[in-house]
């Protein structure tokens, strides 16, 4: 799953989605995702790209149903879900999901 595919998949959850940050303050629950990419190896024109993702879910209340929707999007992927913490400065709960995808990119 490349970053564009992840963004489109997250949009199906029905919450606002942004890469890294929103330019305006959000009044509803929302999702932020970030990623890094490591490109390695070249085997007869193929490169391996490992995308390491973090999805952050910000909610006014603990939203297990939304957490489950995120996990459902990532079925078959090893995902580490953080403990939900309350951010006093944001007046929101934060739950993070981290995972990686390895993609073979051919020329």
PDB file of N, CA and C in Angstrom:
ATOM      1  N   UNK A   1       0.859  -1.165   0.000  1.00  0.00           N
ATOM      2  CA  UNK A   1       0.000   0.000   0.000  1.00  0.00           C
ATOM      3  C   UNK A   1       0.911   1.235   0.000  1.00  0.00           C
ATOM      4  N   UNK A   2       0.765   2.053  -1.014  1.00  0.00           N
ATOM      5  CA  UNK A   2       1.555   3.278  -1.062  1.00  0.00           C
ATOM      6  C   UNK A   2       0.791   4.392  -0.333  1.00  0.00           C
ATOM      7  N   UNK A   3       1.415   5.552  -0.107  1.00  0.00           N
ATOM      8  CA  UNK A   3       0.753   6.616   0.658  1.00  0.00           C
ATOM      9  C   UNK A   3      -0.570   7.099   0.065  1.00  0.00           C
ATOM     10  N   UNK A   4      -0.670   7.188  -1.234  1.00  0.00           N
ATOM     11  CA  UNK A   4      -1.934   7.622  -1.844  1.00  0.00           C
ATOM     12  C   UNK A   4      -3.033   6.597  -1.585  1.00  0.00           C
ATOM     13  N   UNK A   5      -2.707   5.322  -1.701  1.00  0.00           N
ATOM     14  CA  UNK A   5      -3.688   4.264  -1.425  1.00  0.00           C
ATOM     15  C   UNK A   5      -4.125   4.304   0.036  1.00  0.00           C
ATOM     16  N   UNK A   6      -3.175   4.544   0.948  1.00  0.00           N
ATOM     17  CA  UNK A   6      -3.533   4.629   2.368  1.00  0.00           C
ATOM     18  C   UNK A   6      -4.468   5.809   2.606  1.00  0.00           C
ATOM     19  N   UNK A   7      -4.152   6.951   2.038  1.00  0.00           N
ATOM     20  CA  UNK A   7      -4.989   8.138   2.216  1.00  0.00           C
ATOM     21  C   UNK A   7      -6.416   7.876   1.742  1.00  0.00           C
ATOM     22  N   UNK A   8      -6.556   7.273   0.567  1.00  0.00           N
ATOM     23  CA  UNK A   8      -7.898   6.972   0.036  1.00  0.00           C
ATOM     24  C   UNK A   8      -8.631   5.967   0.920  1.00  0.00           C
ATOM     25  N   UNK A   9      -7.907   4.974   1.436  1.00  0.00           N
ATOM     26  CA  UNK A   9      -8.535   3.985   2.321  1.00  0.00           C
ATOM     27  C   UNK A   9      -9.010   4.652   3.610  1.00  0.00           C
ATOM     28  N   UNK A  10      -8.190   5.534   4.175  1.00  0.00           N
ATOM     29  CA  UNK A  10      -8.584   6.220   5.406  1.00  0.00           C
ATOM     30  C   UNK A  10      -9.801   7.113   5.199  1.00  0.00           C
ATOM     31  N   UNK A  11      -9.943   7.702   4.032  1.00  0.00           N
ATOM     32  CA  UNK A  11     -11.093   8.555   3.746  1.00  0.00           C
ATOM     33  C   UNK A  11     -12.409   7.789   3.834  1.00  0.00           C
ATOM     34  N   UNK A  12     -12.376   6.474   3.590  1.00  0.00           N
ATOM     35  CA  UNK A  12     -13.599   5.666   3.652  1.00  0.00           C
ATOM     36  C   UNK A  12     -14.146   5.557   5.074  1.00  0.00           C
ATOM     37  N   UNK A  13     -13.334   5.892   6.065  1.00  0.00           N
ATOM     38  CA  UNK A  13     -13.782   5.836   7.458  1.00  0.00           C
ATOM     39  C   UNK A  13     -14.783   6.954   7.746  1.00  0.00           C
ATOM     40  N   UNK A  14     -14.687   8.045   7.015  1.00  0.00           N
ATOM     41  CA  UNK A  14     -15.654   9.124   7.171  1.00  0.00           C
ATOM     42  C   UNK A  14     -15.187  10.276   8.048  1.00  0.00           C
ATOM     43  N   UNK A  15     -13.925  10.283   8.448  1.00  0.00           N
ATOM     44  CA  UNK A  15     -13.362  11.381   9.224  1.00  0.00           C
ATOM     45  C   UNK A  15     -12.432  12.200   8.344  1.00  0.00           C
ATOM     46  N   UNK A  16     -12.227  13.472   8.671  1.00  0.00           N
ATOM     47  CA  UNK A  16     -11.226  14.236   7.933  1.00  0.00           C
ATOM     48  C   UNK A  16      -9.853  13.577   8.061  1.00  0.00           C
ATOM     49  N   UNK A  17      -9.092  13.570   6.970  1.00  0.00           N
ATOM     50  CA  UNK A  17      -7.777  12.928   6.923  1.00  0.00           C
ATOM     51  C   UNK A  17      -6.769  13.924   6.368  1.00  0.00           C
ATOM     52  N   UNK A  18      -5.577  13.951   6.965  1.00  0.00           N
ATOM     53  CA  UNK A  18      -4.512  14.811   6.442  1.00  0.00           C
ATOM     54  C   UNK A  18      -3.168  14.125   6.642  1.00  0.00           C
ATOM     55  N   UNK A  19      -2.242  14.458   5.742  1.00  0.00           N
ATOM     56  CA  UNK A  19      -0.870  14.027   5.924  1.00  0.00           C
ATOM     57  C   UNK A  19      -0.192  15.034   6.848  1.00  0.00           C
ATOM     58  N   UNK A  20       0.333  14.577   7.952  1.00  0.00           N
ATOM     59  CA  UNK A  20       1.147  15.340   8.895  1.00  0.00           C
ATOM     60  C   UNK A  20       0.376  16.366   9.733  1.00  0.00           C
ATOM     61  N   UNK A  21      -0.455  17.217   9.122  1.00  0.00           N
ATOM     62  CA  UNK A  21      -1.183  18.216   9.897  1.00  0.00           C
ATOM     63  C   UNK A  21      -2.310  18.827   9.070  1.00  0.00           C
ATOM     64  N   UNK A  22      -3.240  19.436   9.779  1.00  0.00           N
ATOM     65  CA  UNK A  22      -4.291  20.228   9.140  1.00  0.00           C
ATOM     66  C   UNK A  22      -3.878  21.691   9.228  1.00  0.00           C
ATOM     67  N   UNK A  23      -4.201  22.463   8.213  1.00  0.00           N
ATOM     68  CA  UNK A  23      -3.878  23.891   8.234  1.00  0.00           C
ATOM     69  C   UNK A  23      -4.824  24.658   9.152  1.00  0.00           C
ATOM     70  N   UNK A  24      -6.047  24.147   9.317  1.00  0.00           N
ATOM     71  CA  UNK A  24      -7.014  24.777  10.205  1.00  0.00           C
ATOM     72  C   UNK A  24      -7.277  23.851  11.402  1.00  0.00           C
ATOM     73  N   UNK A  25      -7.636  24.463  12.507  1.00  0.00           N
ATOM     74  CA  UNK A  25      -7.993  23.691  13.697  1.00  0.00           C
ATOM     75  C   UNK A  25      -9.230  22.859  13.388  1.00  0.00           C
ATOM     76  N   UNK A  26      -9.219  21.604  13.787  1.00  0.00           N
ATOM     77  CA  UNK A  26     -10.336  20.701  13.540  1.00  0.00           C
ATOM     78  C   UNK A  26     -11.292  20.710  14.722  1.00  0.00           C
ATOM     79  N   UNK A  27     -12.579  20.761  14.431  1.00  0.00           N
ATOM     80  CA  UNK A  27     -13.583  20.754  15.490  1.00  0.00           C
ATOM     81  C   UNK A  27     -14.180  19.361  15.700  1.00  0.00           C
ATOM     82  N   UNK A  28     -14.039  18.506  14.694  1.00  0.00           N
ATOM     83  CA  UNK A  28     -14.546  17.129  14.788  1.00  0.00           C
ATOM     84  C   UNK A  28     -13.375  16.169  14.988  1.00  0.00           C
ATOM     85  N   UNK A  29     -13.698  14.893  15.199  1.00  0.00           N
ATOM     86  CA  UNK A  29     -12.666  13.867  15.264  1.00  0.00           C
ATOM     87  C   UNK A  29     -11.934  13.824  13.920  1.00  0.00           C
ATOM     88  N   UNK A  30     -10.672  13.403  13.941  1.00  0.00           N
ATOM     89  CA  UNK A  30      -9.908  13.397  12.691  1.00  0.00           C
ATOM     90  C   UNK A  30      -8.754  12.399  12.737  1.00  0.00           C
ATOM     91  N   UNK A  31      -8.164  12.176  11.556  1.00  0.00           N
ATOM     92  CA  UNK A  31      -7.029  11.271  11.385  1.00  0.00           C
ATOM     93  C   UNK A  31      -5.857  12.028  10.769  1.00  0.00           C
ATOM     94  N   UNK A  32      -4.673  11.738  11.264  1.00  0.00           N
ATOM     95  CA  UNK A  32      -3.422  12.239  10.693  1.00  0.00           C
ATOM     96  C   UNK A  32      -2.580  11.015  10.364  1.00  0.00           C
ATOM     97  N   UNK A  33      -1.925  11.028   9.202  1.00  0.00           N
ATOM     98  CA  UNK A  33      -0.986   9.946   8.917  1.00  0.00           C
ATOM     99  C   UNK A  33       0.352  10.529   8.488  1.00  0.00           C
ATOM    100  N   UNK A  34       1.410   9.811   8.823  1.00  0.00           N
ATOM    101  CA  UNK A  34       2.757  10.162   8.400  1.00  0.00           C
ATOM    102  C   UNK A  34       3.429   8.882   7.920  1.00  0.00           C
ATOM    103  N   UNK A  35       4.497   9.068   7.165  1.00  0.00           N
ATOM    104  CA  UNK A  35       5.229   7.884   6.712  1.00  0.00           C
ATOM    105  C   UNK A  35       6.663   8.247   6.378  1.00  0.00           C
ATOM    106  N   UNK A  36       7.473   7.217   6.335  1.00  0.00           N
ATOM    107  CA  UNK A  36       8.828   7.330   5.804  1.00  0.00           C
ATOM    108  C   UNK A  36       9.000   6.173   4.835  1.00  0.00           C
ATOM    109  N   UNK A  37       9.928   6.324   3.923  1.00  0.00           N
ATOM    110  CA  UNK A  37      10.169   5.280   2.927  1.00  0.00           C
ATOM    111  C   UNK A  37      11.655   4.953   2.894  1.00  0.00           C
ATOM    112  N   UNK A  38      11.950   3.674   2.826  1.00  0.00           N
ATOM    113  CA  UNK A  38      13.320   3.207   2.673  1.00  0.00           C
ATOM    114  C   UNK A  38      13.384   2.414   1.380  1.00  0.00           C
ATOM    115  N   UNK A  39      14.252   2.847   0.471  1.00  0.00           N
ATOM    116  CA  UNK A  39      14.407   2.170  -0.815  1.00  0.00           C
ATOM    117  C   UNK A  39      15.716   1.398  -0.764  1.00  0.00           C
ATOM    118  N   UNK A  40      15.634   0.136  -1.113  1.00  0.00           N
ATOM    119  CA  UNK A  40      16.841  -0.682  -1.055  1.00  0.00           C
ATOM    120  C   UNK A  40      16.869  -1.673  -2.191  1.00  0.00           C
ATOM    121  N   UNK A  41      18.060  -2.224  -2.402  1.00  0.00           N
ATOM    122  CA  UNK A  41      18.257  -3.306  -3.344  1.00  0.00           C
ATOM    123  C   UNK A  41      17.745  -3.053  -4.740  1.00  0.00           C
ATOM    124  N   UNK A  42      18.478  -3.563  -5.644  1.00  0.00           N
ATOM    125  CA  UNK A  42      18.070  -3.532  -7.039  1.00  0.00           C
ATOM    126  C   UNK A  42      18.370  -4.909  -7.585  1.00  0.00           C
ATOM    127  N   UNK A  43      17.336  -5.621  -7.868  1.00  0.00           N
ATOM    128  CA  UNK A  43      17.487  -6.985  -8.378  1.00  0.00           C
ATOM    129  C   UNK A  43      16.933  -7.005  -9.796  1.00  0.00           C
ATOM    130  N   UNK A  44      17.823  -6.848 -10.759  1.00  0.00           N
ATOM    131  CA  UNK A  44      17.436  -6.844 -12.169  1.00  0.00           C
ATOM    132  C   UNK A  44      16.336  -5.810 -12.434  1.00  0.00           C
ATOM    133  N   UNK A  45      16.542  -4.598 -11.946  1.00  0.00           N
ATOM    134  CA  UNK A  45      15.598  -3.520 -12.226  1.00  0.00           C
ATOM    135  C   UNK A  45      14.507  -3.346 -11.208  1.00  0.00           C
ATOM    136  N   UNK A  46      14.467  -4.193 -10.188  1.00  0.00           N
ATOM    137  CA  UNK A  46      13.438  -4.064  -9.156  1.00  0.00           C
ATOM    138  C   UNK A  46      14.030  -3.422  -7.912  1.00  0.00           C
ATOM    139  N   UNK A  47      13.261  -2.550  -7.294  1.00  0.00           N
ATOM    140  CA  UNK A  47      13.651  -1.938  -6.036  1.00  0.00           C
ATOM    141  C   UNK A  47      12.651  -2.358  -4.969  1.00  0.00           C
ATOM    142  N   UNK A  48      13.139  -2.468  -3.758  1.00  0.00           N
ATOM    143  CA  UNK A  48      12.266  -2.730  -2.631  1.00  0.00           C
ATOM    144  C   UNK A  48      12.019  -1.406  -1.918  1.00  0.00           C
ATOM    145  N   UNK A  49      10.765  -1.098  -1.684  1.00  0.00           N
ATOM    146  CA  UNK A  49      10.402   0.112  -0.960  1.00  0.00           C
ATOM    147  C   UNK A  49       9.637  -0.312   0.289  1.00  0.00           C
ATOM    148  N   UNK A  50      10.170   0.077   1.431  1.00  0.00           N
ATOM    149  CA  UNK A  50       9.467  -0.195   2.677  1.00  0.00           C
ATOM    150  C   UNK A  50       8.884   1.113   3.193  1.00  0.00           C
ATOM    151  N   UNK A  51       7.560   1.163   3.269  1.00  0.00           N
ATOM    152  CA  UNK A  51       6.858   2.311   3.820  1.00  0.00           C
ATOM    153  C   UNK A  51       6.549   2.016   5.286  1.00  0.00           C
ATOM    154  N   UNK A  52       6.965   2.900   6.167  1.00  0.00           N
ATOM    155  CA  UNK A  52       6.645   2.797   7.593  1.00  0.00           C
ATOM    156  C   UNK A  52       5.639   3.897   7.910  1.00  0.00           C
ATOM    157  N   UNK A  53       4.460   3.495   8.347  1.00  0.00           N
ATOM    158  CA  UNK A  53       3.346   4.423   8.554  1.00  0.00           C
ATOM    159  C   UNK A  53       3.002   4.585  10.031  1.00  0.00           C
ATOM    160  N   UNK A  54       2.491   5.759  10.347  1.00  0.00           N
ATOM    161  CA  UNK A  54       1.830   6.007  11.625  1.00  0.00           C
ATOM    162  C   UNK A  54       0.501   6.700  11.312  1.00  0.00           C
ATOM    163  N   UNK A  55      -0.559   6.169  11.875  1.00  0.00           N
ATOM    164  CA  UNK A  55      -1.879   6.795  11.800  1.00  0.00           C
ATOM    165  C   UNK A  55      -2.213   7.236  13.208  1.00  0.00           C
ATOM    166  N   UNK A  56      -2.634   8.477  13.352  1.00  0.00           N
ATOM    167  CA  UNK A  56      -3.058   8.998  14.648  1.00  0.00           C
ATOM    168  C   UNK A  56      -4.536   9.340  14.587  1.00  0.00           C
ATOM    169  N   UNK A  57      -5.279   8.777  15.502  1.00  0.00           N
ATOM    170  CA  UNK A  57      -6.717   9.016  15.617  1.00  0.00           C
ATOM    171  C   UNK A  57      -6.956   9.953  16.795  1.00  0.00           C
ATOM    172  N   UNK A  58      -7.527  11.125  16.516  1.00  0.00           N
ATOM    173  CA  UNK A  58      -7.839  12.121  17.543  1.00  0.00           C
ATOM    174  C   UNK A  58      -9.356  12.190  17.693  1.00  0.00           C
ATOM    175  N   UNK A  59      -9.857  11.938  18.913  1.00  0.00           N
ATOM    176  CA  UNK A  59     -11.297  11.901  19.155  1.00  0.00           C
ATOM    177  C   UNK A  59     -11.648  12.599  20.472  1.00  0.00           C
ATOM    178  N   UNK A  60     -12.867  13.110  20.536  1.00  0.00           N
ATOM    179  CA  UNK A  60     -13.344  13.745  21.778  1.00  0.00           C
ATOM    180  C   UNK A  60     -13.619  12.697  22.858  1.00  0.00           C
ATOM    181  N   UNK A  61     -14.038  11.502  22.431  1.00  0.00           N
ATOM    182  CA  UNK A  61     -14.303  10.378  23.331  1.00  0.00           C
ATOM    183  C   UNK A  61     -13.559   9.162  22.801  1.00  0.00           C
ATOM    184  N   UNK A  62     -13.329   8.190  23.650  1.00  0.00           N
ATOM    185  CA  UNK A  62     -12.713   6.938  23.212  1.00  0.00           C
ATOM    186  C   UNK A  62     -13.653   6.292  22.199  1.00  0.00           C
ATOM    187  N   UNK A  63     -13.161   6.058  20.979  1.00  0.00           N
ATOM    188  CA  UNK A  63     -14.002   5.557  19.882  1.00  0.00           C
ATOM    189  C   UNK A  63     -13.507   4.201  19.392  1.00  0.00           C
ATOM    190  N   UNK A  64     -13.904   3.145  20.097  1.00  0.00           N
ATOM    191  CA  UNK A  64     -13.480   1.797  19.741  1.00  0.00           C
ATOM    192  C   UNK A  64     -13.975   1.420  18.344  1.00  0.00           C
ATOM    193  N   UNK A  65     -15.160   1.876  17.966  1.00  0.00           N
ATOM    194  CA  UNK A  65     -15.694   1.527  16.651  1.00  0.00           C
ATOM    195  C   UNK A  65     -14.824   2.100  15.535  1.00  0.00           C
ATOM    196  N   UNK A  66     -14.293   3.306  15.719  1.00  0.00           N
ATOM    197  CA  UNK A  66     -13.409   3.894  14.702  1.00  0.00           C
ATOM    198  C   UNK A  66     -12.064   3.168  14.706  1.00  0.00           C
ATOM    199  N   UNK A  67     -11.567   2.831  15.887  1.00  0.00           N
ATOM    200  CA  UNK A  67     -10.325   2.061  15.976  1.00  0.00           C
ATOM    201  C   UNK A  67     -10.468   0.752  15.202  1.00  0.00           C
ATOM    202  N   UNK A  68     -11.612   0.100  15.355  1.00  0.00           N
ATOM    203  CA  UNK A  68     -11.846  -1.165  14.653  1.00  0.00           C
ATOM    204  C   UNK A  68     -11.929  -0.964  13.138  1.00  0.00           C
ATOM    205  N   UNK A  69     -12.480   0.162  12.693  1.00  0.00           N
ATOM    206  CA  UNK A  69     -12.516   0.440  11.251  1.00  0.00           C
ATOM    207  C   UNK A  69     -11.103   0.576  10.692  1.00  0.00           C
ATOM    208  N   UNK A  70     -10.226   1.224  11.435  1.00  0.00           N
ATOM    209  CA  UNK A  70      -8.840   1.352  11.003  1.00  0.00           C
ATOM    210  C   UNK A  70      -8.187  -0.020  10.928  1.00  0.00           C
ATOM    211  N   UNK A  71      -8.385  -0.825  11.956  1.00  0.00           N
ATOM    212  CA  UNK A  71      -7.806  -2.172  11.964  1.00  0.00           C
ATOM    213  C   UNK A  71      -8.372  -3.026  10.836  1.00  0.00           C
ATOM    214  N   UNK A  72      -9.656  -2.858  10.533  1.00  0.00           N
ATOM    215  CA  UNK A  72     -10.268  -3.615   9.431  1.00  0.00           C
ATOM    216  C   UNK A  72      -9.635  -3.252   8.092  1.00  0.00           C
ATOM    217  N   UNK A  73      -9.265  -1.972   7.909  1.00  0.00           N
ATOM    218  CA  UNK A  73      -8.585  -1.555   6.675  1.00  0.00           C
ATOM    219  C   UNK A  73      -7.226  -2.237   6.524  1.00  0.00           C
ATOM    220  N   UNK A  74      -6.655  -2.619   7.657  1.00  0.00           N
ATOM    221  CA  UNK A  74      -5.301  -3.165   7.665  1.00  0.00           C
ATOM    222  C   UNK A  74      -5.275  -4.658   7.944  1.00  0.00           C
ATOM    223  N   UNK A  75      -6.356  -5.344   7.613  1.00  0.00           N
ATOM    224  CA  UNK A  75      -6.428  -6.788   7.809  1.00  0.00           C
ATOM    225  C   UNK A  75      -5.261  -7.462   7.103  1.00  0.00           C
ATOM    226  N   UNK A  76      -4.608  -8.360   7.808  1.00  0.00           N
ATOM    227  CA  UNK A  76      -3.475  -9.081   7.235  1.00  0.00           C
ATOM    228  C   UNK A  76      -2.139  -8.372   7.413  1.00  0.00           C
ATOM    229  N   UNK A  77      -2.162  -7.218   8.064  1.00  0.00           N
ATOM    230  CA  UNK A  77      -0.947  -6.433   8.299  1.00  0.00           C
ATOM    231  C   UNK A  77      -0.639  -6.469   9.794  1.00  0.00           C
ATOM    232  N   UNK A  78       0.640  -6.591  10.133  1.00  0.00           N
ATOM    233  CA  UNK A  78       1.036  -6.507  11.536  1.00  0.00           C
ATOM    234  C   UNK A  78       0.961  -5.052  11.965  1.00  0.00           C
ATOM    235  N   UNK A  79       0.053  -4.754  12.883  1.00  0.00           N
ATOM    236  CA  UNK A  79      -0.191  -3.380  13.335  1.00  0.00           C
ATOM    237  C   UNK A  79       0.049  -3.313  14.834  1.00  0.00           C
ATOM    238  N   UNK A  80       0.761  -2.270  15.259  1.00  0.00           N
ATOM    239  CA  UNK A  80       0.909  -2.011  16.682  1.00  0.00           C
ATOM    240  C   UNK A  80       0.003  -0.837  17.033  1.00  0.00           C
ATOM    241  N   UNK A  81      -0.957  -1.096  17.909  1.00  0.00           N
ATOM    242  CA  UNK A  81      -1.882  -0.053  18.350  1.00  0.00           C
ATOM    243  C   UNK A  81      -1.442   0.405  19.726  1.00  0.00           C
ATOM    244  N   UNK A  82      -1.276   1.723  19.886  1.00  0.00           N
ATOM    245  CA  UNK A  82      -0.836   2.266  21.172  1.00  0.00           C
ATOM    246  C   UNK A  82      -1.975   2.281  22.178  1.00  0.00           C
ATOM    247  N   UNK A  83      -1.612   2.477  23.409  1.00  0.00           N
ATOM    248  CA  UNK A  83      -2.590   2.760  24.438  1.00  0.00           C
ATOM    249  C   UNK A  83      -3.197   4.122  24.120  1.00  0.00           C
ATOM    250  N   UNK A  84      -4.480   4.285  24.343  1.00  0.00           N
ATOM    251  CA  UNK A  84      -5.126   5.570  24.126  1.00  0.00           C
ATOM    252  C   UNK A  84      -4.764   6.502  25.282  1.00  0.00           C
ATOM    253  N   UNK A  85      -4.310   7.707  24.915  1.00  0.00           N
ATOM    254  CA  UNK A  85      -3.955   8.693  25.939  1.00  0.00           C
ATOM    255  C   UNK A  85      -4.817   9.941  25.744  1.00  0.00           C
ATOM    256  N   UNK A  86      -4.983  10.683  26.815  1.00  0.00           N
ATOM    257  CA  UNK A  86      -5.739  11.932  26.737  1.00  0.00           C
ATOM    258  C   UNK A  86      -4.754  13.090  26.676  1.00  0.00           C
ATOM    259  N   UNK A  87      -4.927  13.954  25.669  1.00  0.00           N
ATOM    260  CA  UNK A  87      -4.087  15.132  25.508  1.00  0.00           C
ATOM    261  C   UNK A  87      -4.850  16.342  26.037  1.00  0.00           C
ATOM    262  N   UNK A  88      -4.492  16.776  27.203  1.00  0.00           N
ATOM    263  CA  UNK A  88      -5.191  17.907  27.838  1.00  0.00           C
ATOM    264  C   UNK A  88      -5.151  19.147  26.957  1.00  0.00           C
ATOM    265  N   UNK A  89      -4.012  19.410  26.327  1.00  0.00           N
ATOM    266  CA  UNK A  89      -3.875  20.614  25.500  1.00  0.00           C
ATOM    267  C   UNK A  89      -4.809  20.595  24.286  1.00  0.00           C
ATOM    268  N   UNK A  90      -5.127  19.402  23.796  1.00  0.00           N
ATOM    269  CA  UNK A  90      -6.009  19.259  22.629  1.00  0.00           C
ATOM    270  C   UNK A  90      -7.453  18.963  23.028  1.00  0.00           C
ATOM    271  N   UNK A  91      -7.639  18.566  24.271  1.00  0.00           N
ATOM    272  CA  UNK A  91      -8.957  18.119  24.753  1.00  0.00           C
ATOM    273  C   UNK A  91      -9.467  16.950  23.906  1.00  0.00           C
ATOM    274  N   UNK A  92      -8.538  16.036  23.594  1.00  0.00           N
ATOM    275  CA  UNK A  92      -8.861  14.880  22.753  1.00  0.00           C
ATOM    276  C   UNK A  92      -8.085  13.654  23.207  1.00  0.00           C
ATOM    277  N   UNK A  93      -8.639  12.512  22.832  1.00  0.00           N
ATOM    278  CA  UNK A  93      -7.940  11.253  23.017  1.00  0.00           C
ATOM    279  C   UNK A  93      -7.110  10.977  21.766  1.00  0.00           C
ATOM    280  N   UNK A  94      -5.961  10.350  21.958  1.00  0.00           N
ATOM    281  CA  UNK A  94      -5.084   9.987  20.847  1.00  0.00           C
ATOM    282  C   UNK A  94      -4.783   8.497  20.910  1.00  0.00           C
ATOM    283  N   UNK A  95      -5.032   7.821  19.793  1.00  0.00           N
ATOM    284  CA  UNK A  95      -4.640   6.422  19.623  1.00  0.00           C
ATOM    285  C   UNK A  95      -3.816   6.348  18.353  1.00  0.00           C
ATOM    286  N   UNK A  96      -2.637   5.728  18.437  1.00  0.00           N
ATOM    287  CA  UNK A  96      -1.748   5.611  17.278  1.00  0.00           C
ATOM    288  C   UNK A  96      -1.684   4.173  16.787  1.00  0.00           C
ATOM    289  N   UNK A  97      -1.489   4.039  15.483  1.00  0.00           N
ATOM    290  CA  UNK A  97      -1.339   2.745  14.834  1.00  0.00           C
ATOM    291  C   UNK A  97      -0.069   2.814  13.988  1.00  0.00           C
ATOM    292  N   UNK A  98       0.846   1.887  14.185  1.00  0.00           N
ATOM    293  CA  UNK A  98       2.073   1.871  13.388  1.00  0.00           C
ATOM    294  C   UNK A  98       2.184   0.529  12.669  1.00  0.00           C
ATOM    295  N   UNK A  99       2.681   0.586  11.426  1.00  0.00           N
ATOM    296  CA  UNK A  99       2.816  -0.610  10.613  1.00  0.00           C
ATOM    297  C   UNK A  99       3.698  -0.304   9.413  1.00  0.00           C
ATOM    298  N   UNK A 100       4.100  -1.350   8.709  1.00  0.00           N
ATOM    299  CA  UNK A 100       4.950  -1.202   7.533  1.00  0.00           C
ATOM    300  C   UNK A 100       4.411  -2.029   6.374  1.00  0.00           C
ATOM    301  N   UNK A 101       4.725  -1.571   5.171  1.00  0.00           N
ATOM    302  CA  UNK A 101       4.434  -2.304   3.938  1.00  0.00           C
ATOM    303  C   UNK A 101       5.713  -2.387   3.119  1.00  0.00           C
ATOM    304  N   UNK A 102       5.982  -3.539   2.558  1.00  0.00           N
ATOM    305  CA  UNK A 102       7.116  -3.711   1.662  1.00  0.00           C
ATOM    306  C   UNK A 102       6.560  -3.898   0.251  1.00  0.00           C
ATOM    307  N   UNK A 103       7.027  -3.062  -0.672  1.00  0.00           N
ATOM    308  CA  UNK A 103       6.536  -3.080  -2.048  1.00  0.00           C
ATOM    309  C   UNK A 103       7.714  -3.308  -2.983  1.00  0.00           C
ATOM    310  N   UNK A 104       7.501  -4.117  -3.985  1.00  0.00           N
ATOM    311  CA  UNK A 104       8.505  -4.303  -5.032  1.00  0.00           C
ATOM    312  C   UNK A 104       8.132  -3.383  -6.174  1.00  0.00           C
ATOM    313  N   UNK A 105       9.034  -2.449  -6.480  1.00  0.00           N
ATOM    314  CA  UNK A 105       8.812  -1.510  -7.577  1.00  0.00           C
ATOM    315  C   UNK A 105       9.674  -1.954  -8.751  1.00  0.00           C
ATOM    316  N   UNK A 106       9.020  -2.241  -9.852  1.00  0.00           N
ATOM    317  CA  UNK A 106       9.744  -2.686 -11.042  1.00  0.00           C
ATOM    318  C   UNK A 106       9.844  -1.554 -12.033  1.00  0.00           C
ATOM    319  N   UNK A 107      10.966  -1.522 -12.756  1.00  0.00           N
ATOM    320  CA  UNK A 107      11.156  -0.485 -13.777  1.00  0.00           C
ATOM    321  C   UNK A 107      10.216  -0.667 -14.940  1.00  0.00           C
TER     322      UNK A 107
END
